[in-house]
Amino acid sequence: MNVDKVVYSIFSFLAVFTIVCLIIFIIVGSEPSTLISCVFGACVGELSILGYLHGNKRKYNNKEPYLKGYADHNKNSKKEKGEEQNNDLYD
């Protein structure tokens, strides 16, 4: 699922939830403060985790070519220096 769709669905859920809580407040005369804080806390936590994962995905995707180039450069520099490579770990 696309990140934008998840964010829009959470924001639309919060808008509907706010309107329903306002209607309940008008009818009953008191607000469900614990429910409101729990729902908003869960949505903020979900958006925070989503942002963290999306940020890490972008960070690692951008650095991937540089890491591959660095590994190739590191292999070539060892060959130029005449150092033997120990490939027993990869067998």
PDB file of N, CA and C in Angstrom:
ATOM      1  N   MET A   1       0.845  -1.174   0.000  1.00  0.00           N
ATOM      2  CA  MET A   1       0.000   0.000   0.000  1.00  0.00           C
ATOM      3  C   MET A   1       0.884   1.229   0.000  1.00  0.00           C
ATOM      4  N   ASN A   2       0.482   2.206  -0.721  1.00  0.00           N
ATOM      5  CA  ASN A   2       1.252   3.419  -0.850  1.00  0.00           C
ATOM      6  C   ASN A   2       1.225   4.202   0.469  1.00  0.00           C
ATOM      7  N   VAL A   3       2.325   4.860   0.779  1.00  0.00           N
ATOM      8  CA  VAL A   3       2.440   5.609   2.029  1.00  0.00           C
ATOM      9  C   VAL A   3       1.426   6.743   2.070  1.00  0.00           C
ATOM     10  N   ASP A   4       1.216   7.404   0.950  1.00  0.00           N
ATOM     11  CA  ASP A   4       0.284   8.522   0.917  1.00  0.00           C
ATOM     12  C   ASP A   4      -1.144   8.070   1.229  1.00  0.00           C
ATOM     13  N   LYS A   5      -1.526   6.905   0.754  1.00  0.00           N
ATOM     14  CA  LYS A   5      -2.870   6.400   1.029  1.00  0.00           C
ATOM     15  C   LYS A   5      -3.056   6.123   2.513  1.00  0.00           C
ATOM     16  N   VAL A   6      -2.031   5.606   3.159  1.00  0.00           N
ATOM     17  CA  VAL A   6      -2.121   5.329   4.592  1.00  0.00           C
ATOM     18  C   VAL A   6      -2.251   6.630   5.374  1.00  0.00           C
ATOM     19  N   VAL A   7      -1.458   7.626   5.012  1.00  0.00           N
ATOM     20  CA  VAL A   7      -1.503   8.906   5.709  1.00  0.00           C
ATOM     21  C   VAL A   7      -2.863   9.576   5.509  1.00  0.00           C
ATOM     22  N   TYR A   8      -3.371   9.582   4.279  1.00  0.00           N
ATOM     23  CA  TYR A   8      -4.680  10.184   4.021  1.00  0.00           C
ATOM     24  C   TYR A   8      -5.788   9.446   4.755  1.00  0.00           C
ATOM     25  N   SER A   9      -5.699   8.137   4.830  1.00  0.00           N
ATOM     26  CA  SER A   9      -6.741   7.386   5.541  1.00  0.00           C
ATOM     27  C   SER A   9      -6.696   7.664   7.041  1.00  0.00           C
ATOM     28  N   ILE A  10      -5.506   7.814   7.613  1.00  0.00           N
ATOM     29  CA  ILE A  10      -5.409   8.130   9.039  1.00  0.00           C
ATOM     30  C   ILE A  10      -5.947   9.527   9.312  1.00  0.00           C
ATOM     31  N   PHE A  11      -5.614  10.495   8.450  1.00  0.00           N
ATOM     32  CA  PHE A  11      -6.126  11.853   8.640  1.00  0.00           C
ATOM     33  C   PHE A  11      -7.638  11.913   8.474  1.00  0.00           C
ATOM     34  N   SER A  12      -8.172  11.178   7.516  1.00  0.00           N
ATOM     35  CA  SER A  12      -9.626  11.175   7.348  1.00  0.00           C
ATOM     36  C   SER A  12     -10.310  10.489   8.531  1.00  0.00           C
ATOM     37  N   PHE A  13      -9.702   9.422   9.055  1.00  0.00           N
ATOM     38  CA  PHE A  13     -10.242   8.770  10.248  1.00  0.00           C
ATOM     39  C   PHE A  13     -10.254   9.734  11.427  1.00  0.00           C
ATOM     40  N   LEU A  14      -9.161  10.490  11.598  1.00  0.00           N
ATOM     41  CA  LEU A  14      -9.108  11.442  12.710  1.00  0.00           C
ATOM     42  C   LEU A  14     -10.133  12.555  12.546  1.00  0.00           C
ATOM     43  N   ALA A  15     -10.380  12.984  11.312  1.00  0.00           N
ATOM     44  CA  ALA A  15     -11.388  14.029  11.078  1.00  0.00           C
ATOM     45  C   ALA A  15     -12.775  13.507  11.431  1.00  0.00           C
ATOM     46  N   VAL A  16     -13.100  12.308  10.986  1.00  0.00           N
ATOM     47  CA  VAL A  16     -14.406  11.718  11.303  1.00  0.00           C
ATOM     48  C   VAL A  16     -14.529  11.482  12.804  1.00  0.00           C
ATOM     49  N   PHE A  17     -13.476  10.997  13.426  1.00  0.00           N
ATOM     50  CA  PHE A  17     -13.487  10.755  14.867  1.00  0.00           C
ATOM     51  C   PHE A  17     -13.707  12.051  15.645  1.00  0.00           C
ATOM     52  N   THR A  18     -13.083  13.129  15.214  1.00  0.00           N
ATOM     53  CA  THR A  18     -13.253  14.421  15.875  1.00  0.00           C
ATOM     54  C   THR A  18     -14.689  14.912  15.752  1.00  0.00           C
ATOM     55  N   ILE A  19     -15.269  14.763  14.582  1.00  0.00           N
ATOM     56  CA  ILE A  19     -16.661  15.193  14.378  1.00  0.00           C
ATOM     57  C   ILE A  19     -17.611  14.363  15.242  1.00  0.00           C
ATOM     58  N   VAL A  20     -17.381  13.048  15.302  1.00  0.00           N
ATOM     59  CA  VAL A  20     -18.237  12.186  16.136  1.00  0.00           C
ATOM     60  C   VAL A  20     -18.087  12.548  17.608  1.00  0.00           C
ATOM     61  N   CYS A  21     -16.868  12.822  18.053  1.00  0.00           N
ATOM     62  CA  CYS A  21     -16.668  13.215  19.449  1.00  0.00           C
ATOM     63  C   CYS A  21     -17.333  14.558  19.742  1.00  0.00           C
ATOM     64  N   LEU A  22     -17.336  15.460  18.795  1.00  0.00           N
ATOM     65  CA  LEU A  22     -18.009  16.746  18.971  1.00  0.00           C
ATOM     66  C   LEU A  22     -19.520  16.548  19.082  1.00  0.00           C
ATOM     67  N   ILE A  23     -20.071  15.669  18.264  1.00  0.00           N
ATOM     68  CA  ILE A  23     -21.509  15.378  18.330  1.00  0.00           C
ATOM     69  C   ILE A  23     -21.862  14.722  19.667  1.00  0.00           C
ATOM     70  N   ILE A  24     -21.024  13.788  20.123  1.00  0.00           N
ATOM     71  CA  ILE A  24     -21.250  13.155  21.433  1.00  0.00           C
ATOM     72  C   ILE A  24     -21.182  14.201  22.541  1.00  0.00           C
ATOM     73  N   PHE A  25     -20.267  15.134  22.441  1.00  0.00           N
ATOM     74  CA  PHE A  25     -20.148  16.180  23.452  1.00  0.00           C
ATOM     75  C   PHE A  25     -21.386  17.067  23.471  1.00  0.00           C
ATOM     76  N   ILE A  26     -21.927  17.383  22.304  1.00  0.00           N
ATOM     77  CA  ILE A  26     -23.122  18.220  22.242  1.00  0.00           C
ATOM     78  C   ILE A  26     -24.333  17.489  22.832  1.00  0.00           C
ATOM     79  N   ILE A  27     -24.459  16.200  22.530  1.00  0.00           N
ATOM     80  CA  ILE A  27     -25.615  15.438  23.002  1.00  0.00           C
ATOM     81  C   ILE A  27     -25.508  15.113  24.496  1.00  0.00           C
ATOM     82  N   VAL A  28     -24.392  14.580  24.922  1.00  0.00           N
ATOM     83  CA  VAL A  28     -24.244  14.083  26.294  1.00  0.00           C
ATOM     84  C   VAL A  28     -23.813  15.185  27.253  1.00  0.00           C
ATOM     85  N   GLY A  29     -22.921  16.032  26.823  1.00  0.00           N
ATOM     86  CA  GLY A  29     -22.446  17.105  27.689  1.00  0.00           C
ATOM     87  C   GLY A  29     -21.076  16.839  28.284  1.00  0.00           C
ATOM     88  N   SER A  30     -20.477  15.699  27.991  1.00  0.00           N
ATOM     89  CA  SER A  30     -19.116  15.425  28.456  1.00  0.00           C
ATOM     90  C   SER A  30     -18.346  14.737  27.333  1.00  0.00           C
ATOM     91  N   GLU A  31     -17.053  14.886  27.411  1.00  0.00           N
ATOM     92  CA  GLU A  31     -16.218  14.299  26.346  1.00  0.00           C
ATOM     93  C   GLU A  31     -15.513  13.054  26.860  1.00  0.00           C
ATOM     94  N   PRO A  32     -15.283  12.082  25.984  1.00  0.00           N
ATOM     95  CA  PRO A  32     -14.519  10.887  26.372  1.00  0.00           C
ATOM     96  C   PRO A  32     -13.011  11.161  26.245  1.00  0.00           C
ATOM     97  N   SER A  33     -12.459  11.848  27.224  1.00  0.00           N
ATOM     98  CA  SER A  33     -11.075  12.339  27.121  1.00  0.00           C
ATOM     99  C   SER A  33     -10.058  11.196  27.035  1.00  0.00           C
ATOM    100  N   THR A  34     -10.280  10.112  27.749  1.00  0.00           N
ATOM    101  CA  THR A  34      -9.340   8.991  27.698  1.00  0.00           C
ATOM    102  C   THR A  34      -9.343   8.344  26.318  1.00  0.00           C
ATOM    103  N   LEU A  35     -10.522   8.161  25.761  1.00  0.00           N
ATOM    104  CA  LEU A  35     -10.622   7.591  24.415  1.00  0.00           C
ATOM    105  C   LEU A  35      -9.968   8.493  23.379  1.00  0.00           C
ATOM    106  N   ILE A  36     -10.188   9.794  23.509  1.00  0.00           N
ATOM    107  CA  ILE A  36      -9.600  10.744  22.560  1.00  0.00           C
ATOM    108  C   ILE A  36      -8.080  10.696  22.632  1.00  0.00           C
ATOM    109  N   SER A  37      -7.528  10.696  23.837  1.00  0.00           N
ATOM    110  CA  SER A  37      -6.067  10.686  23.964  1.00  0.00           C
ATOM    111  C   SER A  37      -5.472   9.371  23.452  1.00  0.00           C
ATOM    112  N   CYS A  38      -6.157   8.266  23.691  1.00  0.00           N
ATOM    113  CA  CYS A  38      -5.650   6.975  23.214  1.00  0.00           C
ATOM    114  C   CYS A  38      -5.691   6.880  21.696  1.00  0.00           C
ATOM    115  N   VAL A  39      -6.774   7.345  21.085  1.00  0.00           N
ATOM    116  CA  VAL A  39      -6.889   7.280  19.628  1.00  0.00           C
ATOM    117  C   VAL A  39      -5.862   8.185  18.964  1.00  0.00           C
ATOM    118  N   PHE A  40      -5.736   9.414  19.443  1.00  0.00           N
ATOM    119  CA  PHE A  40      -4.749  10.309  18.846  1.00  0.00           C
ATOM    120  C   PHE A  40      -3.324   9.828  19.104  1.00  0.00           C
ATOM    121  N   GLY A  41      -3.074   9.251  20.272  1.00  0.00           N
ATOM    122  CA  GLY A  41      -1.743   8.704  20.556  1.00  0.00           C
ATOM    123  C   GLY A  41      -1.396   7.546  19.647  1.00  0.00           C
ATOM    124  N   ALA A  42      -2.369   6.666  19.398  1.00  0.00           N
ATOM    125  CA  ALA A  42      -2.122   5.530  18.500  1.00  0.00           C
ATOM    126  C   ALA A  42      -1.872   6.002  17.076  1.00  0.00           C
ATOM    127  N   CYS A  43      -2.621   7.003  16.641  1.00  0.00           N
ATOM    128  CA  CYS A  43      -2.433   7.510  15.272  1.00  0.00           C
ATOM    129  C   CYS A  43      -1.092   8.228  15.123  1.00  0.00           C
ATOM    130  N   VAL A  44      -0.703   8.986  16.126  1.00  0.00           N
ATOM    131  CA  VAL A  44       0.604   9.653  16.082  1.00  0.00           C
ATOM    132  C   VAL A  44       1.723   8.616  16.097  1.00  0.00           C
ATOM    133  N   GLY A  45       1.574   7.569  16.900  1.00  0.00           N
ATOM    134  CA  GLY A  45       2.579   6.504  16.916  1.00  0.00           C
ATOM    135  C   GLY A  45       2.677   5.803  15.576  1.00  0.00           C
ATOM    136  N   GLU A  46       1.538   5.525  14.968  1.00  0.00           N
ATOM    137  CA  GLU A  46       1.527   4.880  13.652  1.00  0.00           C
ATOM    138  C   GLU A  46       2.204   5.754  12.597  1.00  0.00           C
ATOM    139  N   LEU A  47       1.897   7.041  12.613  1.00  0.00           N
ATOM    140  CA  LEU A  47       2.516   7.951  11.642  1.00  0.00           C
ATOM    141  C   LEU A  47       4.015   8.112  11.906  1.00  0.00           C
ATOM    142  N   SER A  48       4.418   8.087  13.164  1.00  0.00           N
ATOM    143  CA  SER A  48       5.845   8.190  13.490  1.00  0.00           C
ATOM    144  C   SER A  48       6.618   6.977  12.984  1.00  0.00           C
ATOM    145  N   ILE A  49       6.078   5.797  13.212  1.00  0.00           N
ATOM    146  CA  ILE A  49       6.736   4.573  12.739  1.00  0.00           C
ATOM    147  C   ILE A  49       6.776   4.551  11.217  1.00  0.00           C
ATOM    148  N   LEU A  50       5.686   4.960  10.593  1.00  0.00           N
ATOM    149  CA  LEU A  50       5.636   5.007   9.140  1.00  0.00           C
ATOM    150  C   LEU A  50       6.676   5.975   8.583  1.00  0.00           C
ATOM    151  N   GLY A  51       6.806   7.136   9.215  1.00  0.00           N
ATOM    152  CA  GLY A  51       7.812   8.103   8.784  1.00  0.00           C
ATOM    153  C   GLY A  51       9.223   7.594   8.972  1.00  0.00           C
ATOM    154  N   TYR A  52       9.472   6.905  10.079  1.00  0.00           N
ATOM    155  CA  TYR A  52      10.794   6.343  10.335  1.00  0.00           C
ATOM    156  C   TYR A  52      11.158   5.287   9.291  1.00  0.00           C
ATOM    157  N   LEU A  53      10.215   4.394   8.998  1.00  0.00           N
ATOM    158  CA  LEU A  53      10.478   3.349   8.010  1.00  0.00           C
ATOM    159  C   LEU A  53      10.647   3.934   6.610  1.00  0.00           C
ATOM    160  N   HIS A  54       9.841   4.907   6.285  1.00  0.00           N
ATOM    161  CA  HIS A  54       9.941   5.528   4.962  1.00  0.00           C
ATOM    162  C   HIS A  54      11.266   6.280   4.827  1.00  0.00           C
ATOM    163  N   GLY A  55      11.685   6.955   5.895  1.00  0.00           N
ATOM    164  CA  GLY A  55      12.959   7.676   5.861  1.00  0.00           C
ATOM    165  C   GLY A  55      14.146   6.752   5.726  1.00  0.00           C
ATOM    166  N   ASN A  56      14.133   5.633   6.453  1.00  0.00           N
ATOM    167  CA  ASN A  56      15.225   4.665   6.344  1.00  0.00           C
ATOM    168  C   ASN A  56      15.258   4.010   4.976  1.00  0.00           C
ATOM    169  N   LYS A  57      14.109   3.750   4.407  1.00  0.00           N
ATOM    170  CA  LYS A  57      14.045   3.144   3.077  1.00  0.00           C
ATOM    171  C   LYS A  57      14.676   4.072   2.048  1.00  0.00           C
ATOM    172  N   ARG A  58      14.386   5.349   2.147  1.00  0.00           N
ATOM    173  CA  ARG A  58      14.964   6.314   1.203  1.00  0.00           C
ATOM    174  C   ARG A  58      16.468   6.459   1.422  1.00  0.00           C
ATOM    175  N   LYS A  59      16.889   6.431   2.698  1.00  0.00           N
ATOM    176  CA  LYS A  59      18.302   6.605   3.008  1.00  0.00           C
ATOM    177  C   LYS A  59      19.128   5.444   2.478  1.00  0.00           C
ATOM    178  N   TYR A  60      18.674   4.218   2.692  1.00  0.00           N
ATOM    179  CA  TYR A  60      19.441   3.058   2.264  1.00  0.00           C
ATOM    180  C   TYR A  60      19.370   2.843   0.758  1.00  0.00           C
ATOM    181  N   ASN A  61      18.276   3.214   0.127  1.00  0.00           N
ATOM    182  CA  ASN A  61      18.189   3.086  -1.323  1.00  0.00           C
ATOM    183  C   ASN A  61      19.117   4.069  -2.017  1.00  0.00           C
ATOM    184  N   ASN A  62      19.309   5.234  -1.435  1.00  0.00           N
ATOM    185  CA  ASN A  62      20.204   6.220  -2.037  1.00  0.00           C
ATOM    186  C   ASN A  62      21.669   5.853  -1.846  1.00  0.00           C
ATOM    187  N   LYS A  63      22.017   5.175  -0.774  1.00  0.00           N
ATOM    188  CA  LYS A  63      23.424   4.858  -0.506  1.00  0.00           C
ATOM    189  C   LYS A  63      23.866   3.542  -1.120  1.00  0.00           C
ATOM    190  N   GLU A  64      22.955   2.762  -1.622  1.00  0.00           N
ATOM    191  CA  GLU A  64      23.305   1.434  -2.107  1.00  0.00           C
ATOM    192  C   GLU A  64      24.359   1.463  -3.217  1.00  0.00           C
ATOM    193  N   PRO A  65      24.254   2.321  -4.249  1.00  0.00           N
ATOM    194  CA  PRO A  65      25.295   2.317  -5.282  1.00  0.00           C
ATOM    195  C   PRO A  65      26.664   2.712  -4.735  1.00  0.00           C
ATOM    196  N   TYR A  66      26.673   3.618  -3.741  1.00  0.00           N
ATOM    197  CA  TYR A  66      27.948   4.041  -3.186  1.00  0.00           C
ATOM    198  C   TYR A  66      28.615   2.906  -2.416  1.00  0.00           C
ATOM    199  N   LEU A  67      27.822   2.134  -1.706  1.00  0.00           N
ATOM    200  CA  LEU A  67      28.391   1.017  -0.960  1.00  0.00           C
ATOM    201  C   LEU A  67      28.941  -0.050  -1.895  1.00  0.00           C
ATOM    202  N   LYS A  68      28.233  -0.316  -2.998  1.00  0.00           N
ATOM    203  CA  LYS A  68      28.734  -1.294  -3.955  1.00  0.00           C
ATOM    204  C   LYS A  68      30.034  -0.818  -4.582  1.00  0.00           C
ATOM    205  N   GLY A  69      30.088   0.460  -4.910  1.00  0.00           N
ATOM    206  CA  GLY A  69      31.308   1.021  -5.483  1.00  0.00           C
ATOM    207  C   GLY A  69      32.458   0.980  -4.497  1.00  0.00           C
ATOM    208  N   TYR A  70      32.160   1.207  -3.228  1.00  0.00           N
ATOM    209  CA  TYR A  70      33.198   1.159  -2.210  1.00  0.00           C
ATOM    210  C   TYR A  70      33.739  -0.252  -2.056  1.00  0.00           C
ATOM    211  N   ALA A  71      32.869  -1.244  -2.098  1.00  0.00           N
ATOM    212  CA  ALA A  71      33.317  -2.635  -1.964  1.00  0.00           C
ATOM    213  C   ALA A  71      34.200  -3.025  -3.151  1.00  0.00           C
ATOM    214  N   ASP A  72      33.813  -2.626  -4.359  1.00  0.00           N
ATOM    215  CA  ASP A  72      34.633  -2.922  -5.534  1.00  0.00           C
ATOM    216  C   ASP A  72      35.978  -2.213  -5.459  1.00  0.00           C
ATOM    217  N   HIS A  73      35.959  -0.975  -4.982  1.00  0.00           N
ATOM    218  CA  HIS A  73      37.208  -0.226  -4.850  1.00  0.00           C
ATOM    219  C   HIS A  73      38.114  -0.876  -3.813  1.00  0.00           C
ATOM    220  N   ASN A  74      37.538  -1.373  -2.742  1.00  0.00           N
ATOM    221  CA  ASN A  74      38.306  -2.005  -1.685  1.00  0.00           C
ATOM    222  C   ASN A  74      38.965  -3.288  -2.203  1.00  0.00           C
ATOM    223  N   LYS A  75      38.282  -4.085  -3.018  1.00  0.00           N
ATOM    224  CA  LYS A  75      38.845  -5.301  -3.582  1.00  0.00           C
ATOM    225  C   LYS A  75      39.997  -4.973  -4.525  1.00  0.00           C
ATOM    226  N   ASN A  76      39.793  -3.938  -5.356  1.00  0.00           N
ATOM    227  CA  ASN A  76      40.838  -3.562  -6.312  1.00  0.00           C
ATOM    228  C   ASN A  76      42.073  -3.036  -5.614  1.00  0.00           C
ATOM    229  N   SER A  77      41.918  -2.303  -4.528  1.00  0.00           N
ATOM    230  CA  SER A  77      43.087  -1.760  -3.831  1.00  0.00           C
ATOM    231  C   SER A  77      43.894  -2.876  -3.170  1.00  0.00           C
ATOM    232  N   LYS A  78      43.245  -3.937  -2.698  1.00  0.00           N
ATOM    233  CA  LYS A  78      43.982  -5.058  -2.107  1.00  0.00           C
ATOM    234  C   LYS A  78      44.765  -5.803  -3.176  1.00  0.00           C
ATOM    235  N   LYS A  79      44.189  -5.942  -4.375  1.00  0.00           N
ATOM    236  CA  LYS A  79      44.894  -6.628  -5.449  1.00  0.00           C
ATOM    237  C   LYS A  79      46.109  -5.834  -5.896  1.00  0.00           C
ATOM    238  N   GLU A  80      45.977  -4.501  -5.921  1.00  0.00           N
ATOM    239  CA  GLU A  80      47.091  -3.665  -6.335  1.00  0.00           C
ATOM    240  C   GLU A  80      48.238  -3.725  -5.337  1.00  0.00           C
ATOM    241  N   LYS A  81      47.929  -3.861  -4.057  1.00  0.00           N
ATOM    242  CA  LYS A  81      48.951  -3.907  -3.032  1.00  0.00           C
ATOM    243  C   LYS A  81      49.611  -5.274  -2.943  1.00  0.00           C
ATOM    244  N   GLY A  82      49.058  -6.264  -3.605  1.00  0.00           N
ATOM    245  CA  GLY A  82      49.630  -7.595  -3.574  1.00  0.00           C
ATOM    246  C   GLY A  82      49.189  -8.410  -2.381  1.00  0.00           C
ATOM    247  N   GLU A  83      48.145  -7.949  -1.695  1.00  0.00           N
ATOM    248  CA  GLU A  83      47.653  -8.701  -0.547  1.00  0.00           C
ATOM    249  C   GLU A  83      46.795  -9.855  -1.036  1.00  0.00           C
ATOM    250  N   GLU A  84      46.927 -10.966  -0.357  1.00  0.00           N
ATOM    251  CA  GLU A  84      46.114 -12.124  -0.710  1.00  0.00           C
ATOM    252  C   GLU A  84      44.744 -11.987  -0.061  1.00  0.00           C
ATOM    253  N   GLN A  85      43.750 -12.411  -0.810  1.00  0.00           N
ATOM    254  CA  GLN A  85      42.401 -12.384  -0.265  1.00  0.00           C
ATOM    255  C   GLN A  85      42.067 -13.759   0.277  1.00  0.00           C
ATOM    256  N   ASN A  86      41.538 -13.773   1.457  1.00  0.00           N
ATOM    257  CA  ASN A  86      41.147 -15.016   2.091  1.00  0.00           C
ATOM    258  C   ASN A  86      39.665 -15.234   1.819  1.00  0.00           C
ATOM    259  N   ASN A  87      39.365 -16.138   0.907  1.00  0.00           N
ATOM    260  CA  ASN A  87      37.980 -16.413   0.536  1.00  0.00           C
ATOM    261  C   ASN A  87      37.440 -17.654   1.230  1.00  0.00           C
ATOM    262  N   ASP A  88      38.126 -18.147   2.256  1.00  0.00           N
ATOM    263  CA  ASP A  88      37.654 -19.337   2.951  1.00  0.00           C
ATOM    264  C   ASP A  88      36.337 -19.091   3.666  1.00  0.00           C
ATOM    265  N   LEU A  89      36.078 -17.852   4.037  1.00  0.00           N
ATOM    266  CA  LEU A  89      34.828 -17.534   4.748  1.00  0.00           C
ATOM    267  C   LEU A  89      33.620 -17.669   3.850  1.00  0.00           C
ATOM    268  N   TYR A  90      33.813 -17.518   2.558  1.00  0.00           N
ATOM    269  CA  TYR A  90      32.688 -17.517   1.628  1.00  0.00           C
ATOM    270  C   TYR A  90      32.446 -18.877   0.984  1.00  0.00           C
ATOM    271  N   ASP A  91      33.264 -19.854   1.269  1.00  0.00           N
ATOM    272  CA  ASP A  91      33.099 -21.191   0.666  1.00  0.00           C
ATOM    273  C   ASP A  91      32.075 -21.995   1.397  1.00  0.00           C
TER     274      ASP A  91
END
